[in-house]
Structure formats: C-alpha cells, structure tokens
Amino acid sequence: MSEQFLTWEMLGSYSGTLGMVLILTQLTKALPGIVKIPTQLYSYLVALAVMLPTAIFSGRTGIPDLVLLLFNAAVAALSANGGYDALVRAMQGKTE
C-alpha cells in the first residue's frame, strides 16, 4: 500500500483532477484578491494550475496535448462547480 496521498498518475486522472480543483478552489476562493475573481473563472485557473504541471511531469507537452488541456480544464472546472453546488443544495434540503 502506498503512503502517498497523491501521485502524478492519480492527479492526472479525471477524478483526481476534479477532486483537487474542488478542494483548492473552496480553500482559496475567499483569500484577499482572489475573492474579487468570479468563482467559475477562478476554478478554471485552478484547473489549469493543477493540469499543467501534471502534463509536464507526465511528458505530455506537445502542442496538441496543451490545446486539449485548455478544453479539459474547462470540463474539470465546470464539473467541480456543479458538484459543489449540488452538494450545497442537498445539504440545505433543496432540490431542482
């Protein structure tokens, strides 16, 4: 069993990226200066910050890979935002 919380392989997966984007966004979105950035845009920037080093350390740095990373970061950010919103609604007993 591994003693690591995260590996680059785990972080490079959809669920690993999604989880880290969600955690980092929620932990940092209220910091001074960041609070002025719309959360959806900020989560996209966080997704890029998570996915870019993962791509670099995994050797996926070709132009096609980096272009795809821009699109995948949008998917991860929107998924993290939607998941968080759904969790908040569920905790408040609201349904849609």
PDB file of N, CA and C in Angstrom:
ATOM      1  N   MET A   1       0.845  -1.191   0.000  1.00  0.00           N
ATOM      2  CA  MET A   1       0.000   0.000   0.000  1.00  0.00           C
ATOM      3  C   MET A   1       0.882   1.243   0.000  1.00  0.00           C
ATOM      4  N   SER A   2       0.516   2.203  -0.800  1.00  0.00           N
ATOM      5  CA  SER A   2       1.294   3.425  -0.935  1.00  0.00           C
ATOM      6  C   SER A   2       1.052   4.365   0.239  1.00  0.00           C
ATOM      7  N   GLU A   3       2.097   5.036   0.656  1.00  0.00           N
ATOM      8  CA  GLU A   3       1.999   6.013   1.740  1.00  0.00           C
ATOM      9  C   GLU A   3       1.666   7.407   1.229  1.00  0.00           C
ATOM     10  N   GLN A   4       1.608   7.571  -0.098  1.00  0.00           N
ATOM     11  CA  GLN A   4       1.357   8.871  -0.693  1.00  0.00           C
ATOM     12  C   GLN A   4      -0.140   9.161  -0.744  1.00  0.00           C
ATOM     13  N   PHE A   5      -0.487  10.401  -0.472  1.00  0.00           N
ATOM     14  CA  PHE A   5      -1.869  10.820  -0.642  1.00  0.00           C
ATOM     15  C   PHE A   5      -2.189  10.951  -2.127  1.00  0.00           C
ATOM     16  N   LEU A   6      -1.271  11.520  -2.876  1.00  0.00           N
ATOM     17  CA  LEU A   6      -1.460  11.725  -4.310  1.00  0.00           C
ATOM     18  C   LEU A   6      -0.229  11.265  -5.066  1.00  0.00           C
ATOM     19  N   THR A   7      -0.451  10.822  -6.264  1.00  0.00           N
ATOM     20  CA  THR A   7       0.634  10.568  -7.206  1.00  0.00           C
ATOM     21  C   THR A   7       0.308  11.357  -8.463  1.00  0.00           C
ATOM     22  N   TRP A   8       1.282  11.515  -9.338  1.00  0.00           N
ATOM     23  CA  TRP A   8       1.023  12.234 -10.583  1.00  0.00           C
ATOM     24  C   TRP A   8       0.009  11.480 -11.428  1.00  0.00           C
ATOM     25  N   GLU A   9       0.040  10.154 -11.335  1.00  0.00           N
ATOM     26  CA  GLU A   9      -0.927   9.360 -12.088  1.00  0.00           C
ATOM     27  C   GLU A   9      -2.342   9.605 -11.568  1.00  0.00           C
ATOM     28  N   MET A  10      -2.495   9.638 -10.239  1.00  0.00           N
ATOM     29  CA  MET A  10      -3.813   9.903  -9.660  1.00  0.00           C
ATOM     30  C   MET A  10      -4.279  11.305 -10.000  1.00  0.00           C
ATOM     31  N   LEU A  11      -3.382  12.269  -9.890  1.00  0.00           N
ATOM     32  CA  LEU A  11      -3.739  13.652 -10.182  1.00  0.00           C
ATOM     33  C   LEU A  11      -4.049  13.846 -11.664  1.00  0.00           C
ATOM     34  N   GLY A  12      -3.473  13.021 -12.513  1.00  0.00           N
ATOM     35  CA  GLY A  12      -3.719  13.105 -13.947  1.00  0.00           C
ATOM     36  C   GLY A  12      -5.031  12.467 -14.383  1.00  0.00           C
ATOM     37  N   SER A  13      -5.701  11.772 -13.469  1.00  0.00           N
ATOM     38  CA  SER A  13      -6.988  11.175 -13.815  1.00  0.00           C
ATOM     39  C   SER A  13      -8.089  12.220 -13.678  1.00  0.00           C
ATOM     40  N   TYR A  14      -9.227  11.930 -14.300  1.00  0.00           N
ATOM     41  CA  TYR A  14     -10.364  12.854 -14.220  1.00  0.00           C
ATOM     42  C   TYR A  14     -10.784  13.076 -12.774  1.00  0.00           C
ATOM     43  N   SER A  15     -10.942  11.993 -12.030  1.00  0.00           N
ATOM     44  CA  SER A  15     -11.411  12.138 -10.652  1.00  0.00           C
ATOM     45  C   SER A  15     -10.365  12.820  -9.775  1.00  0.00           C
ATOM     46  N   GLY A  16      -9.097  12.559 -10.010  1.00  0.00           N
ATOM     47  CA  GLY A  16      -8.045  13.217  -9.232  1.00  0.00           C
ATOM     48  C   GLY A  16      -7.996  14.708  -9.501  1.00  0.00           C
ATOM     49  N   THR A  17      -8.077  15.073 -10.767  1.00  0.00           N
ATOM     50  CA  THR A  17      -8.091  16.487 -11.136  1.00  0.00           C
ATOM     51  C   THR A  17      -9.326  17.170 -10.574  1.00  0.00           C
ATOM     52  N   LEU A  18     -10.478  16.537 -10.751  1.00  0.00           N
ATOM     53  CA  LEU A  18     -11.732  17.107 -10.272  1.00  0.00           C
ATOM     54  C   LEU A  18     -11.698  17.339  -8.769  1.00  0.00           C
ATOM     55  N   GLY A  19     -11.247  16.345  -8.027  1.00  0.00           N
ATOM     56  CA  GLY A  19     -11.171  16.476  -6.573  1.00  0.00           C
ATOM     57  C   GLY A  19     -10.230  17.589  -6.139  1.00  0.00           C
ATOM     58  N   MET A  20      -9.080  17.663  -6.773  1.00  0.00           N
ATOM     59  CA  MET A  20      -8.105  18.692  -6.387  1.00  0.00           C
ATOM     60  C   MET A  20      -8.594  20.086  -6.751  1.00  0.00           C
ATOM     61  N   VAL A  21      -9.245  20.235  -7.899  1.00  0.00           N
ATOM     62  CA  VAL A  21      -9.790  21.536  -8.293  1.00  0.00           C
ATOM     63  C   VAL A  21     -10.861  21.965  -7.287  1.00  0.00           C
ATOM     64  N   LEU A  22     -11.719  21.050  -6.921  1.00  0.00           N
ATOM     65  CA  LEU A  22     -12.766  21.352  -5.942  1.00  0.00           C
ATOM     66  C   LEU A  22     -12.169  21.773  -4.608  1.00  0.00           C
ATOM     67  N   ILE A  23     -11.229  21.008  -4.107  1.00  0.00           N
ATOM     68  CA  ILE A  23     -10.615  21.301  -2.814  1.00  0.00           C
ATOM     69  C   ILE A  23      -9.872  22.632  -2.838  1.00  0.00           C
ATOM     70  N   LEU A  24      -9.011  22.822  -3.833  1.00  0.00           N
ATOM     71  CA  LEU A  24      -8.213  24.053  -3.882  1.00  0.00           C
ATOM     72  C   LEU A  24      -9.081  25.289  -4.101  1.00  0.00           C
ATOM     73  N   THR A  25     -10.106  25.155  -4.934  1.00  0.00           N
ATOM     74  CA  THR A  25     -10.997  26.294  -5.170  1.00  0.00           C
ATOM     75  C   THR A  25     -11.704  26.690  -3.884  1.00  0.00           C
ATOM     76  N   GLN A  26     -12.259  25.712  -3.184  1.00  0.00           N
ATOM     77  CA  GLN A  26     -13.010  26.021  -1.970  1.00  0.00           C
ATOM     78  C   GLN A  26     -12.109  26.546  -0.854  1.00  0.00           C
ATOM     79  N   LEU A  27     -10.885  26.054  -0.786  1.00  0.00           N
ATOM     80  CA  LEU A  27      -9.965  26.505   0.255  1.00  0.00           C
ATOM     81  C   LEU A  27      -9.425  27.910   0.024  1.00  0.00           C
ATOM     82  N   THR A  28      -9.361  28.328  -1.236  1.00  0.00           N
ATOM     83  CA  THR A  28      -8.665  29.585  -1.529  1.00  0.00           C
ATOM     84  C   THR A  28      -9.534  30.695  -2.107  1.00  0.00           C
ATOM     85  N   LYS A  29     -10.789  30.411  -2.448  1.00  0.00           N
ATOM     86  CA  LYS A  29     -11.589  31.423  -3.155  1.00  0.00           C
ATOM     87  C   LYS A  29     -11.919  32.652  -2.311  1.00  0.00           C
ATOM     88  N   ALA A  30     -11.798  32.575  -1.000  1.00  0.00           N
ATOM     89  CA  ALA A  30     -12.097  33.723  -0.146  1.00  0.00           C
ATOM     90  C   ALA A  30     -10.846  34.519   0.240  1.00  0.00           C
ATOM     91  N   LEU A  31      -9.694  34.144  -0.286  1.00  0.00           N
ATOM     92  CA  LEU A  31      -8.465  34.872   0.037  1.00  0.00           C
ATOM     93  C   LEU A  31      -8.506  36.277  -0.561  1.00  0.00           C
ATOM     94  N   PRO A  32      -7.844  37.223   0.103  1.00  0.00           N
ATOM     95  CA  PRO A  32      -7.816  38.585  -0.433  1.00  0.00           C
ATOM     96  C   PRO A  32      -7.277  38.596  -1.868  1.00  0.00           C
ATOM     97  N   GLY A  33      -7.930  39.369  -2.704  1.00  0.00           N
ATOM     98  CA  GLY A  33      -7.545  39.460  -4.107  1.00  0.00           C
ATOM     99  C   GLY A  33      -8.248  38.412  -4.949  1.00  0.00           C
ATOM    100  N   ILE A  34      -8.315  37.191  -4.462  1.00  0.00           N
ATOM    101  CA  ILE A  34      -8.980  36.121  -5.202  1.00  0.00           C
ATOM    102  C   ILE A  34     -10.493  36.259  -5.087  1.00  0.00           C
ATOM    103  N   VAL A  35     -10.955  36.781  -3.952  1.00  0.00           N
ATOM    104  CA  VAL A  35     -12.393  36.915  -3.728  1.00  0.00           C
ATOM    105  C   VAL A  35     -13.052  37.792  -4.795  1.00  0.00           C
ATOM    106  N   LYS A  36     -12.274  38.628  -5.454  1.00  0.00           N
ATOM    107  CA  LYS A  36     -12.808  39.518  -6.495  1.00  0.00           C
ATOM    108  C   LYS A  36     -12.995  38.805  -7.840  1.00  0.00           C
ATOM    109  N   ILE A  37     -12.378  37.628  -7.991  1.00  0.00           N
ATOM    110  CA  ILE A  37     -12.457  36.878  -9.241  1.00  0.00           C
ATOM    111  C   ILE A  37     -13.717  36.010  -9.196  1.00  0.00           C
ATOM    112  N   PRO A  38     -14.526  36.002 -10.244  1.00  0.00           N
ATOM    113  CA  PRO A  38     -15.694  35.104 -10.259  1.00  0.00           C
ATOM    114  C   PRO A  38     -15.242  33.652 -10.044  1.00  0.00           C
ATOM    115  N   THR A  39     -15.972  32.925  -9.216  1.00  0.00           N
ATOM    116  CA  THR A  39     -15.564  31.581  -8.825  1.00  0.00           C
ATOM    117  C   THR A  39     -15.402  30.640 -10.012  1.00  0.00           C
ATOM    118  N   GLN A  40     -16.272  30.735 -11.017  1.00  0.00           N
ATOM    119  CA  GLN A  40     -16.138  29.844 -12.168  1.00  0.00           C
ATOM    120  C   GLN A  40     -14.843  30.115 -12.936  1.00  0.00           C
ATOM    121  N   LEU A  41     -14.493  31.369 -13.096  1.00  0.00           N
ATOM    122  CA  LEU A  41     -13.227  31.698 -13.746  1.00  0.00           C
ATOM    123  C   LEU A  41     -12.058  31.244 -12.890  1.00  0.00           C
ATOM    124  N   TYR A  42     -12.153  31.480 -11.586  1.00  0.00           N
ATOM    125  CA  TYR A  42     -11.071  31.086 -10.680  1.00  0.00           C
ATOM    126  C   TYR A  42     -10.875  29.565 -10.695  1.00  0.00           C
ATOM    127  N   SER A  43     -11.962  28.810 -10.700  1.00  0.00           N
ATOM    128  CA  SER A  43     -11.824  27.352 -10.715  1.00  0.00           C
ATOM    129  C   SER A  43     -11.190  26.881 -12.032  1.00  0.00           C
ATOM    130  N   TYR A  44     -11.432  27.595 -13.126  1.00  0.00           N
ATOM    131  CA  TYR A  44     -10.773  27.273 -14.392  1.00  0.00           C
ATOM    132  C   TYR A  44      -9.263  27.501 -14.270  1.00  0.00           C
ATOM    133  N   LEU A  45      -8.879  28.604 -13.658  1.00  0.00           N
ATOM    134  CA  LEU A  45      -7.452  28.886 -13.459  1.00  0.00           C
ATOM    135  C   LEU A  45      -6.814  27.846 -12.545  1.00  0.00           C
ATOM    136  N   VAL A  46      -7.549  27.419 -11.513  1.00  0.00           N
ATOM    137  CA  VAL A  46      -7.055  26.365 -10.627  1.00  0.00           C
ATOM    138  C   VAL A  46      -6.893  25.066 -11.413  1.00  0.00           C
ATOM    139  N   ALA A  47      -7.871  24.751 -12.261  1.00  0.00           N
ATOM    140  CA  ALA A  47      -7.776  23.542 -13.076  1.00  0.00           C
ATOM    141  C   ALA A  47      -6.528  23.583 -13.961  1.00  0.00           C
ATOM    142  N   LEU A  48      -6.264  24.727 -14.561  1.00  0.00           N
ATOM    143  CA  LEU A  48      -5.044  24.865 -15.362  1.00  0.00           C
ATOM    144  C   LEU A  48      -3.802  24.677 -14.504  1.00  0.00           C
ATOM    145  N   ALA A  49      -3.825  25.241 -13.294  1.00  0.00           N
ATOM    146  CA  ALA A  49      -2.674  25.139 -12.392  1.00  0.00           C
ATOM    147  C   ALA A  49      -2.447  23.702 -11.923  1.00  0.00           C
ATOM    148  N   VAL A  50      -3.487  22.920 -11.861  1.00  0.00           N
ATOM    149  CA  VAL A  50      -3.356  21.508 -11.496  1.00  0.00           C
ATOM    150  C   VAL A  50      -2.932  20.678 -12.703  1.00  0.00           C
ATOM    151  N   MET A  51      -3.547  20.935 -13.836  1.00  0.00           N
ATOM    152  CA  MET A  51      -3.340  20.087 -15.001  1.00  0.00           C
ATOM    153  C   MET A  51      -2.030  20.353 -15.738  1.00  0.00           C
ATOM    154  N   LEU A  52      -1.561  21.594 -15.739  1.00  0.00           N
ATOM    155  CA  LEU A  52      -0.329  21.911 -16.473  1.00  0.00           C
ATOM    156  C   LEU A  52       0.895  21.200 -15.877  1.00  0.00           C
ATOM    157  N   PRO A  53       1.137  21.291 -14.559  1.00  0.00           N
ATOM    158  CA  PRO A  53       2.291  20.545 -14.024  1.00  0.00           C
ATOM    159  C   PRO A  53       2.138  19.035 -14.206  1.00  0.00           C
ATOM    160  N   THR A  54       0.915  18.549 -14.094  1.00  0.00           N
ATOM    161  CA  THR A  54       0.678  17.123 -14.293  1.00  0.00           C
ATOM    162  C   THR A  54       1.074  16.718 -15.714  1.00  0.00           C
ATOM    163  N   ALA A  55       0.704  17.528 -16.691  1.00  0.00           N
ATOM    164  CA  ALA A  55       1.070  17.246 -18.077  1.00  0.00           C
ATOM    165  C   ALA A  55       2.581  17.326 -18.265  1.00  0.00           C
ATOM    166  N   ILE A  56       3.201  18.324 -17.686  1.00  0.00           N
ATOM    167  CA  ILE A  56       4.653  18.497 -17.832  1.00  0.00           C
ATOM    168  C   ILE A  56       5.393  17.309 -17.223  1.00  0.00           C
ATOM    169  N   PHE A  57       5.030  16.932 -15.988  1.00  0.00           N
ATOM    170  CA  PHE A  57       5.724  15.842 -15.316  1.00  0.00           C
ATOM    171  C   PHE A  57       5.403  14.480 -15.927  1.00  0.00           C
ATOM    172  N   SER A  58       4.334  14.412 -16.696  1.00  0.00           N
ATOM    173  CA  SER A  58       3.970  13.162 -17.367  1.00  0.00           C
ATOM    174  C   SER A  58       4.489  13.116 -18.806  1.00  0.00           C
ATOM    175  N   GLY A  59       5.136  14.196 -19.235  1.00  0.00           N
ATOM    176  CA  GLY A  59       5.710  14.228 -20.574  1.00  0.00           C
ATOM    177  C   GLY A  59       4.716  14.508 -21.685  1.00  0.00           C
ATOM    178  N   ARG A  60       3.546  15.043 -21.348  1.00  0.00           N
ATOM    179  CA  ARG A  60       2.532  15.350 -22.364  1.00  0.00           C
ATOM    180  C   ARG A  60       2.558  16.859 -22.629  1.00  0.00           C
ATOM    181  N   THR A  61       3.571  17.295 -23.375  1.00  0.00           N
ATOM    182  CA  THR A  61       3.754  18.736 -23.576  1.00  0.00           C
ATOM    183  C   THR A  61       3.729  19.151 -25.042  1.00  0.00           C
ATOM    184  N   GLY A  62       3.245  18.286 -25.899  1.00  0.00           N
ATOM    185  CA  GLY A  62       3.115  18.652 -27.305  1.00  0.00           C
ATOM    186  C   GLY A  62       2.006  19.677 -27.474  1.00  0.00           C
ATOM    187  N   ILE A  63       2.034  20.401 -28.560  1.00  0.00           N
ATOM    188  CA  ILE A  63       1.011  21.407 -28.839  1.00  0.00           C
ATOM    189  C   ILE A  63      -0.393  20.803 -28.788  1.00  0.00           C
ATOM    190  N   PRO A  64      -0.638  19.649 -29.416  1.00  0.00           N
ATOM    191  CA  PRO A  64      -1.985  19.070 -29.329  1.00  0.00           C
ATOM    192  C   PRO A  64      -2.398  18.753 -27.890  1.00  0.00           C
ATOM    193  N   ASP A  65      -1.449  18.282 -27.079  1.00  0.00           N
ATOM    194  CA  ASP A  65      -1.744  17.977 -25.675  1.00  0.00           C
ATOM    195  C   ASP A  65      -2.116  19.237 -24.900  1.00  0.00           C
ATOM    196  N   LEU A  66      -1.387  20.305 -25.137  1.00  0.00           N
ATOM    197  CA  LEU A  66      -1.626  21.547 -24.397  1.00  0.00           C
ATOM    198  C   LEU A  66      -2.931  22.221 -24.828  1.00  0.00           C
ATOM    199  N   VAL A  67      -3.276  22.119 -26.096  1.00  0.00           N
ATOM    200  CA  VAL A  67      -4.557  22.653 -26.562  1.00  0.00           C
ATOM    201  C   VAL A  67      -5.701  21.864 -25.925  1.00  0.00           C
ATOM    202  N   LEU A  68      -5.570  20.559 -25.900  1.00  0.00           N
ATOM    203  CA  LEU A  68      -6.586  19.718 -25.278  1.00  0.00           C
ATOM    204  C   LEU A  68      -6.690  20.000 -23.781  1.00  0.00           C
ATOM    205  N   LEU A  69      -5.568  20.314 -23.155  1.00  0.00           N
ATOM    206  CA  LEU A  69      -5.556  20.654 -21.731  1.00  0.00           C
ATOM    207  C   LEU A  69      -6.455  21.864 -21.450  1.00  0.00           C
ATOM    208  N   LEU A  70      -6.461  22.841 -22.337  1.00  0.00           N
ATOM    209  CA  LEU A  70      -7.310  24.023 -22.156  1.00  0.00           C
ATOM    210  C   LEU A  70      -8.786  23.642 -22.112  1.00  0.00           C
ATOM    211  N   PHE A  71      -9.176  22.718 -22.986  1.00  0.00           N
ATOM    212  CA  PHE A  71     -10.570  22.263 -23.013  1.00  0.00           C
ATOM    213  C   PHE A  71     -10.886  21.384 -21.803  1.00  0.00           C
ATOM    214  N   ASN A  72      -9.962  20.483 -21.468  1.00  0.00           N
ATOM    215  CA  ASN A  72     -10.185  19.599 -20.327  1.00  0.00           C
ATOM    216  C   ASN A  72     -10.250  20.378 -19.015  1.00  0.00           C
ATOM    217  N   ALA A  73      -9.514  21.472 -18.919  1.00  0.00           N
ATOM    218  CA  ALA A  73      -9.582  22.300 -17.718  1.00  0.00           C
ATOM    219  C   ALA A  73     -10.969  22.909 -17.563  1.00  0.00           C
ATOM    220  N   ALA A  74     -11.595  23.266 -18.673  1.00  0.00           N
ATOM    221  CA  ALA A  74     -12.963  23.792 -18.615  1.00  0.00           C
ATOM    222  C   ALA A  74     -13.922  22.715 -18.126  1.00  0.00           C
ATOM    223  N   VAL A  75     -13.764  21.493 -18.605  1.00  0.00           N
ATOM    224  CA  VAL A  75     -14.618  20.387 -18.157  1.00  0.00           C
ATOM    225  C   VAL A  75     -14.435  20.145 -16.664  1.00  0.00           C
ATOM    226  N   ALA A  76     -13.197  20.108 -16.209  1.00  0.00           N
ATOM    227  CA  ALA A  76     -12.920  19.874 -14.789  1.00  0.00           C
ATOM    228  C   ALA A  76     -13.480  21.001 -13.926  1.00  0.00           C
ATOM    229  N   ALA A  77     -13.291  22.238 -14.342  1.00  0.00           N
ATOM    230  CA  ALA A  77     -13.763  23.377 -13.554  1.00  0.00           C
ATOM    231  C   ALA A  77     -15.281  23.394 -13.466  1.00  0.00           C
ATOM    232  N   LEU A  78     -15.951  23.196 -14.594  1.00  0.00           N
ATOM    233  CA  LEU A  78     -17.418  23.205 -14.571  1.00  0.00           C
ATOM    234  C   LEU A  78     -17.973  22.026 -13.789  1.00  0.00           C
ATOM    235  N   SER A  79     -17.322  20.884 -13.872  1.00  0.00           N
ATOM    236  CA  SER A  79     -17.754  19.725 -13.095  1.00  0.00           C
ATOM    237  C   SER A  79     -17.574  19.965 -11.595  1.00  0.00           C
ATOM    238  N   ALA A  80     -16.451  20.544 -11.228  1.00  0.00           N
ATOM    239  CA  ALA A  80     -16.216  20.840  -9.811  1.00  0.00           C
ATOM    240  C   ALA A  80     -17.233  21.854  -9.299  1.00  0.00           C
ATOM    241  N   ASN A  81     -17.513  22.876 -10.091  1.00  0.00           N
ATOM    242  CA  ASN A  81     -18.502  23.883  -9.680  1.00  0.00           C
ATOM    243  C   ASN A  81     -19.884  23.255  -9.528  1.00  0.00           C
ATOM    244  N   GLY A  82     -20.284  22.453 -10.493  1.00  0.00           N
ATOM    245  CA  GLY A  82     -21.596  21.821 -10.449  1.00  0.00           C
ATOM    246  C   GLY A  82     -21.720  20.841  -9.296  1.00  0.00           C
ATOM    247  N   GLY A  83     -20.680  20.090  -9.041  1.00  0.00           N
ATOM    248  CA  GLY A  83     -20.689  19.147  -7.928  1.00  0.00           C
ATOM    249  C   GLY A  83     -20.801  19.842  -6.593  1.00  0.00           C
ATOM    250  N   TYR A  84     -20.071  20.928  -6.443  1.00  0.00           N
ATOM    251  CA  TYR A  84     -20.134  21.685  -5.192  1.00  0.00           C
ATOM    252  C   TYR A  84     -21.520  22.301  -5.006  1.00  0.00           C
ATOM    253  N   ASP A  85     -22.068  22.881  -6.057  1.00  0.00           N
ATOM    254  CA  ASP A  85     -23.402  23.481  -5.971  1.00  0.00           C
ATOM    255  C   ASP A  85     -24.459  22.438  -5.618  1.00  0.00           C
ATOM    256  N   ALA A  86     -24.348  21.243  -6.211  1.00  0.00           N
ATOM    257  CA  ALA A  86     -25.300  20.175  -5.908  1.00  0.00           C
ATOM    258  C   ALA A  86     -25.177  19.739  -4.451  1.00  0.00           C
ATOM    259  N   LEU A  87     -23.966  19.652  -3.948  1.00  0.00           N
ATOM    260  CA  LEU A  87     -23.759  19.281  -2.548  1.00  0.00           C
ATOM    261  C   LEU A  87     -24.348  20.314  -1.609  1.00  0.00           C
ATOM    262  N   VAL A  88     -24.135  21.580  -1.901  1.00  0.00           N
ATOM    263  CA  VAL A  88     -24.695  22.648  -1.065  1.00  0.00           C
ATOM    264  C   VAL A  88     -26.217  22.591  -1.079  1.00  0.00           C
ATOM    265  N   ARG A  89     -26.816  22.409  -2.249  1.00  0.00           N
ATOM    266  CA  ARG A  89     -28.281  22.304  -2.336  1.00  0.00           C
ATOM    267  C   ARG A  89     -28.780  21.115  -1.530  1.00  0.00           C
ATOM    268  N   ALA A  90     -28.103  19.991  -1.613  1.00  0.00           N
ATOM    269  CA  ALA A  90     -28.525  18.794  -0.883  1.00  0.00           C
ATOM    270  C   ALA A  90     -28.430  19.026   0.632  1.00  0.00           C
ATOM    271  N   MET A  91     -27.378  19.690   1.055  1.00  0.00           N
ATOM    272  CA  MET A  91     -27.210  19.968   2.491  1.00  0.00           C
ATOM    273  C   MET A  91     -28.278  20.937   3.001  1.00  0.00           C
ATOM    274  N   GLN A  92     -28.772  21.787   2.141  1.00  0.00           N
ATOM    275  CA  GLN A  92     -29.810  22.737   2.515  1.00  0.00           C
ATOM    276  C   GLN A  92     -31.208  22.166   2.299  1.00  0.00           C
ATOM    277  N   GLY A  93     -31.296  20.942   1.812  1.00  0.00           N
ATOM    278  CA  GLY A  93     -32.582  20.300   1.595  1.00  0.00           C
ATOM    279  C   GLY A  93     -33.317  20.802   0.365  1.00  0.00           C
ATOM    280  N   LYS A  94     -32.614  21.465  -0.533  1.00  0.00           N
ATOM    281  CA  LYS A  94     -33.237  21.981  -1.749  1.00  0.00           C
ATOM    282  C   LYS A  94     -33.042  20.988  -2.881  1.00  0.00           C
ATOM    283  N   THR A  95     -34.043  20.875  -3.732  1.00  0.00           N
ATOM    284  CA  THR A  95     -33.919  20.033  -4.923  1.00  0.00           C
ATOM    285  C   THR A  95     -34.382  20.839  -6.130  1.00  0.00           C
ATOM    286  N   GLU A  96     -33.905  20.418  -7.284  1.00  0.00           N
ATOM    287  CA  GLU A  96     -34.330  21.079  -8.524  1.00  0.00           C
ATOM    288  C   GLU A  96     -34.949  20.076  -9.445  1.00  0.00           C
TER     289      GLU A  96
END
